[in-house]
Amino acid sequence: MPEPPAHDGFYAAGADEPEPTSTRDVWRAARARRKALRSEIRRFTQRSRRRRIVWLSSIGAVVLLIGGSVAAAYSPLFAVEKISVVGAASLDPAAIEAALGDQLGTPLALVDTSEVKAALLAFPLIETYALEARPPHDLTVRIVERTPVGVIRSGAGYTLVDAAGVALSTTSDQPAGQPVIEVDGGVESRAFQSAGLVVRALPADVRAALTGVRATTADDVTLTLDSGLTVVWGSAEESALKALALSAAMVKNPDAASIDVTSPEVAVVG
């Protein structure tokens, strides 16, 4: 049998045999594959590098923005130049603004809340307050004033108090429109607490006519109006219903000497 012809390379056996592949062709194919692999690795590395650069640039921009904002907030660029007081009715806003004058020139972010609190303690009528920074230069103080419920008579004169028993002022004469409160146990007692709640629950027209409030316990609050009408209120419970019952009874019985609203469902007129 004749031997197959010799070749400088390799070939695959089979029915349809391809052309023989030389060693040089194999080397060239391997080099091409390595070149393609290096190109793909380079392309992937470049994409990763670009993504990393974009990511780092974004982080840097955010850090610079935050840092710049913080630095600006604590700089004289945002110093307090104007103090405004909102909510003052009985108080003089100019007096409060003057008391807070030490905060002028202070960066908004560095306003000393403890100093503000200490300055506002000089105004007993202030019940609560809130500070509102309004860049670049405005500081707003929103206050809620205490609501007086009447006066306590003593040797020192007439002391105006709110429902919590906080003394707001003392005068030698009884302030106009403020009833005299007479309770057992003073402003720390439950009788005073009940009386204060009752006064705050009164309709505006009844409150304007109120001249006296008496209570020996938390359950026997009695009111006196400038017309001479005596109102037996009882406790501070159901004050809203009692106020409605009182208003209705006063309309129906304008000449009544007394009205008992202890049970608001059935007002007793005397």
Protein backbone atom coordinates (compact mmCIF):
# COMPACT_ATOMS: atom_id res chain seq x y z
CA MET A 1 0.00 0.00 0.00
CA PRO A 2 1.38 3.43 -0.87
CA GLU A 3 2.25 5.77 2.08
CA PRO A 4 0.44 9.11 2.38
CA PRO A 5 2.39 12.09 1.19
CA ALA A 6 4.47 13.86 3.81
CA HIS A 7 3.47 17.42 4.94
CA ASP A 8 5.21 20.12 7.02
CA GLY A 9 2.28 20.57 9.44
CA PHE A 10 -0.89 18.90 10.63
CA TYR A 11 -4.19 17.83 9.20
CA ALA A 12 -7.34 16.23 10.50
CA ALA A 13 -8.47 12.86 9.21
CA GLY A 14 -11.96 12.47 7.87
CA ALA A 15 -14.02 12.09 4.77
CA ASP A 16 -13.71 15.77 3.90
CA GLU A 17 -10.23 16.65 5.02
CA PRO A 18 -9.34 20.42 5.25
CA GLU A 19 -6.24 21.85 3.75
CA PRO A 20 -3.16 21.07 5.84
CA THR A 21 -2.25 23.76 8.43
CA SER A 22 1.36 24.74 8.69
CA THR A 23 3.21 25.52 11.94
CA ARG A 24 3.53 29.15 10.81
CA ASP A 25 -0.24 29.42 10.40
CA VAL A 26 -0.80 28.02 13.90
CA TRP A 27 1.69 30.53 15.35
CA ARG A 28 0.03 33.42 13.51
CA ALA A 29 -3.42 32.36 14.75
CA ALA A 30 -2.17 32.13 18.34
CA ARG A 31 -0.54 35.57 18.07
CA ALA A 32 -3.80 37.02 16.68
CA ARG A 33 -5.74 35.55 19.58
CA ARG A 34 -3.30 37.00 22.10
CA LYS A 35 -3.49 40.39 20.39
CA ALA A 36 -7.32 40.31 20.43
CA LEU A 37 -7.28 39.29 24.11
CA ARG A 38 -4.90 42.13 25.00
CA SER A 39 -7.12 44.58 23.09
CA GLU A 40 -10.21 43.37 24.91
CA ILE A 41 -8.47 43.63 28.30
CA ARG A 42 -7.27 47.14 27.43
CA ARG A 43 -10.77 48.18 26.36
CA PHE A 44 -12.29 46.80 29.57
CA THR A 45 -9.62 48.47 31.70
CA GLN A 46 -10.22 51.82 30.00
CA ARG A 47 -13.97 51.60 30.66
CA SER A 48 -13.35 50.73 34.30
CA ARG A 49 -10.88 53.59 34.62
CA ARG A 50 -13.36 56.04 33.09
CA ARG A 51 -16.11 54.88 35.43
CA ARG A 52 -13.77 55.24 38.41
CA ILE A 53 -12.77 58.74 37.34
CA VAL A 54 -16.41 59.78 36.92
CA TRP A 55 -17.31 58.29 40.31
CA LEU A 56 -14.41 59.96 42.10
CA SER A 57 -15.17 63.26 40.39
CA SER A 58 -18.81 63.08 41.53
CA ILE A 59 -17.79 62.30 45.11
CA GLY A 60 -15.31 65.16 45.05
CA ALA A 61 -17.93 67.58 43.74
CA VAL A 62 -20.37 66.59 46.50
CA VAL A 63 -17.69 66.96 49.18
CA LEU A 64 -16.70 70.37 47.85
CA LEU A 65 -20.34 71.46 47.73
CA ILE A 66 -21.04 70.34 51.28
CA GLY A 67 -17.78 71.77 52.56
CA GLY A 68 -18.40 75.05 50.81
CA SER A 69 -21.95 75.28 52.15
CA VAL A 70 -20.83 74.57 55.73
CA ALA A 71 -17.99 77.05 55.47
CA ALA A 72 -20.33 79.71 54.09
CA ALA A 73 -22.94 79.06 56.79
CA TYR A 74 -20.38 79.71 59.52
CA SER A 75 -18.90 82.75 57.81
CA PRO A 76 -19.83 86.45 58.10
CA LEU A 77 -21.60 86.05 54.76
CA PHE A 78 -24.56 84.71 56.76
CA ALA A 79 -24.27 86.90 59.83
CA VAL A 80 -27.39 88.17 61.61
CA GLU A 81 -28.21 91.71 60.54
CA LYS A 82 -31.92 91.85 61.39
CA ILE A 83 -33.99 90.36 64.22
CA SER A 84 -37.78 90.20 63.78
CA VAL A 85 -40.34 89.32 66.45
CA VAL A 86 -43.61 87.68 65.38
CA GLY A 87 -46.61 87.01 67.63
CA ALA A 88 -46.26 89.87 70.12
CA ALA A 89 -49.57 91.44 71.14
CA SER A 90 -49.15 92.73 74.69
CA LEU A 91 -45.37 92.88 74.47
CA ASP A 92 -43.35 95.49 72.61
CA PRO A 93 -41.51 93.75 69.74
CA ALA A 94 -38.83 96.48 69.73
CA ALA A 95 -38.00 95.71 73.38
CA ILE A 96 -37.52 92.02 72.59
CA GLU A 97 -35.38 92.81 69.55
CA ALA A 98 -33.22 95.09 71.66
CA ALA A 99 -32.78 92.37 74.30
CA LEU A 100 -31.44 90.04 71.60
CA GLY A 101 -29.08 92.65 70.18
CA ASP A 102 -26.00 90.65 71.23
CA GLN A 103 -26.77 88.17 68.44
CA LEU A 104 -26.28 90.79 65.71
CA GLY A 105 -23.16 90.01 63.69
CA THR A 106 -23.23 86.34 64.71
CA PRO A 107 -23.39 83.76 61.88
CA LEU A 108 -26.88 82.27 61.76
CA ALA A 109 -25.50 78.80 62.43
CA LEU A 110 -23.74 80.04 65.58
CA VAL A 111 -26.63 81.87 67.25
CA ASP A 112 -26.39 80.98 70.94
CA THR A 113 -29.77 79.53 71.93
CA SER A 114 -28.87 79.59 75.64
CA GLU A 115 -28.18 83.34 75.44
CA VAL A 116 -31.46 83.85 73.59
CA LYS A 117 -33.33 81.91 76.28
CA ALA A 118 -31.67 83.93 79.05
CA ALA A 119 -32.63 87.20 77.34
CA LEU A 120 -36.26 86.15 76.86
CA LEU A 121 -36.64 85.16 80.52
CA ALA A 122 -36.90 88.89 81.19
CA PHE A 123 -40.33 88.78 79.52
CA PRO A 124 -42.65 86.68 81.72
CA LEU A 125 -45.48 87.10 79.21
CA ILE A 126 -43.65 84.83 76.76
CA GLU A 127 -44.96 81.29 77.16
CA THR A 128 -43.08 79.64 74.27
CA TYR A 129 -40.83 80.79 71.45
CA ALA A 130 -39.11 79.41 68.37
CA LEU A 131 -36.11 80.67 66.40
CA GLU A 132 -36.22 80.70 62.62
CA ALA A 133 -33.08 81.43 60.57
CA ARG A 134 -33.85 83.09 57.26
CA PRO A 135 -30.61 83.37 55.24
CA PRO A 136 -28.73 85.36 54.46
CA HIS A 137 -29.15 87.80 57.36
CA ASP A 138 -32.55 87.51 59.11
CA LEU A 139 -33.34 85.86 62.45
CA THR A 140 -37.06 85.56 63.26
CA VAL A 141 -38.31 84.95 66.80
CA ARG A 142 -41.85 83.54 66.90
CA ILE A 143 -43.42 83.89 70.34
CA VAL A 144 -46.63 82.75 72.00
CA GLU A 145 -47.74 85.02 74.83
CA ARG A 146 -49.26 83.77 78.05
CA THR A 147 -52.99 84.34 78.44
CA PRO A 148 -53.90 86.02 81.75
CA VAL A 149 -56.85 84.50 83.59
CA GLY A 150 -57.15 87.07 86.38
CA VAL A 151 -55.42 88.67 89.33
CA ILE A 152 -54.53 87.48 92.82
CA ARG A 153 -55.04 90.16 95.45
CA SER A 154 -52.40 90.47 98.16
CA GLY A 155 -50.65 93.05 100.31
CA ALA A 156 -48.36 93.84 97.37
CA GLY A 157 -51.30 94.74 95.15
CA TYR A 158 -52.82 92.82 92.24
CA THR A 159 -50.68 90.14 90.62
CA LEU A 160 -51.71 89.16 87.11
CA VAL A 161 -51.40 85.39 86.56
CA ASP A 162 -51.97 82.89 83.76
CA ALA A 163 -53.64 79.49 83.99
CA ALA A 164 -50.36 77.91 85.15
CA GLY A 165 -50.08 80.38 88.03
CA VAL A 166 -47.14 82.25 86.50
CA ALA A 167 -46.99 85.82 87.76
CA LEU A 168 -46.95 88.21 84.82
CA SER A 169 -47.00 91.58 86.59
CA THR A 170 -47.98 93.26 89.84
CA THR A 171 -49.77 96.60 90.09
CA SER A 172 -51.27 98.65 92.90
CA ASP A 173 -54.61 98.92 91.09
CA GLN A 174 -56.69 96.11 89.63
CA PRO A 175 -56.04 95.85 85.87
CA ALA A 176 -59.08 96.59 83.76
CA GLY A 177 -60.90 93.54 82.44
CA GLN A 178 -59.20 91.09 84.83
CA PRO A 179 -61.30 89.24 87.44
CA VAL A 180 -60.17 88.72 91.01
CA ILE A 181 -59.41 85.04 91.65
CA GLU A 182 -60.01 83.77 95.19
CA VAL A 183 -58.99 80.16 95.77
CA ASP A 184 -57.95 78.06 98.74
CA GLY A 185 -54.36 76.89 98.63
CA GLY A 186 -52.90 79.54 96.30
CA VAL A 187 -51.76 79.13 92.70
CA GLU A 188 -50.22 75.71 93.40
CA SER A 189 -53.55 74.18 94.41
CA ARG A 190 -55.86 72.03 92.34
CA ALA A 191 -58.58 74.58 93.00
CA PHE A 192 -56.56 77.24 91.15
CA GLN A 193 -55.74 74.87 88.29
CA SER A 194 -59.43 74.11 87.86
CA ALA A 195 -60.36 77.79 88.02
CA GLY A 196 -57.74 78.68 85.41
CA LEU A 197 -59.05 76.04 83.01
CA VAL A 198 -62.62 77.27 83.48
CA VAL A 199 -61.69 80.90 82.72
CA ARG A 200 -59.87 79.86 79.54
CA ALA A 201 -62.92 77.89 78.39
CA LEU A 202 -65.37 80.80 78.71
CA PRO A 203 -66.92 82.38 75.61
CA ALA A 204 -65.41 85.77 74.76
CA ASP A 205 -68.50 87.74 75.81
CA VAL A 206 -68.72 85.97 79.18
CA ARG A 207 -64.98 86.38 79.75
CA ALA A 208 -65.26 90.12 79.09
CA ALA A 209 -68.00 90.42 81.73
CA LEU A 210 -66.21 88.29 84.35
CA THR A 211 -65.38 90.10 87.59
CA GLY A 212 -64.70 87.31 90.09
CA VAL A 213 -63.71 83.64 90.33
CA ARG A 214 -63.99 81.61 93.56
CA ALA A 215 -63.06 78.01 94.36
CA THR A 216 -62.37 76.09 97.54
CA THR A 217 -61.79 72.80 95.72
CA ALA A 218 -61.30 71.71 92.12
CA ASP A 219 -65.02 70.85 91.91
CA ASP A 220 -66.76 74.03 93.07
CA VAL A 221 -65.67 76.84 90.76
CA THR A 222 -68.10 79.77 90.89
CA LEU A 223 -68.06 82.83 88.62
CA THR A 224 -69.42 86.34 89.09
CA LEU A 225 -70.30 88.62 86.15
CA ASP A 226 -70.52 92.41 86.12
CA SER A 227 -74.31 92.16 85.85
CA GLY A 228 -74.41 90.48 89.25
CA LEU A 229 -75.10 87.04 87.73
CA THR A 230 -73.61 84.13 89.66
CA VAL A 231 -72.58 81.07 87.63
CA VAL A 232 -72.08 77.78 89.44
CA TRP A 233 -69.67 75.92 87.20
CA GLY A 234 -68.44 73.03 89.29
CA SER A 235 -65.31 71.27 88.00
CA ALA A 236 -63.40 72.03 84.81
CA GLU A 237 -64.69 68.84 83.20
CA GLU A 238 -66.98 69.26 80.19
CA SER A 239 -66.21 72.98 80.15
CA ALA A 240 -66.98 73.26 76.43
CA LEU A 241 -70.52 71.87 76.97
CA LYS A 242 -71.01 74.02 80.06
CA ALA A 243 -70.04 77.14 78.08
CA LEU A 244 -72.69 76.33 75.46
CA ALA A 245 -75.30 75.66 78.15
CA LEU A 246 -74.46 78.95 79.90
CA SER A 247 -74.73 81.01 76.72
CA ALA A 248 -78.10 79.47 75.87
CA ALA A 249 -79.43 79.98 79.41
CA MET A 250 -78.30 83.62 79.49
CA VAL A 251 -80.15 84.33 76.24
CA LYS A 252 -83.36 82.72 77.48
CA ASN A 253 -83.12 84.20 80.99
CA PRO A 254 -81.54 87.68 80.77
CA ASP A 255 -82.74 88.63 84.27
CA ALA A 256 -81.55 85.47 86.03
CA ALA A 257 -79.71 85.90 89.33
CA SER A 258 -77.88 82.59 89.07
CA ILE A 259 -77.30 79.80 86.58
CA ASP A 260 -75.99 76.38 87.55
CA VAL A 261 -74.27 74.49 84.72
CA THR A 262 -72.71 71.80 86.89
CA SER A 263 -74.69 69.36 84.74
CA PRO A 264 -74.48 70.90 81.25
CA GLU A 265 -77.40 68.80 79.96
CA VAL A 266 -79.78 70.60 82.32
CA ALA A 267 -78.91 74.20 83.31
CA VAL A 268 -80.65 75.31 86.51
CA VAL A 269 -81.75 78.95 86.50
CA GLY A 270 -82.43 80.80 89.73
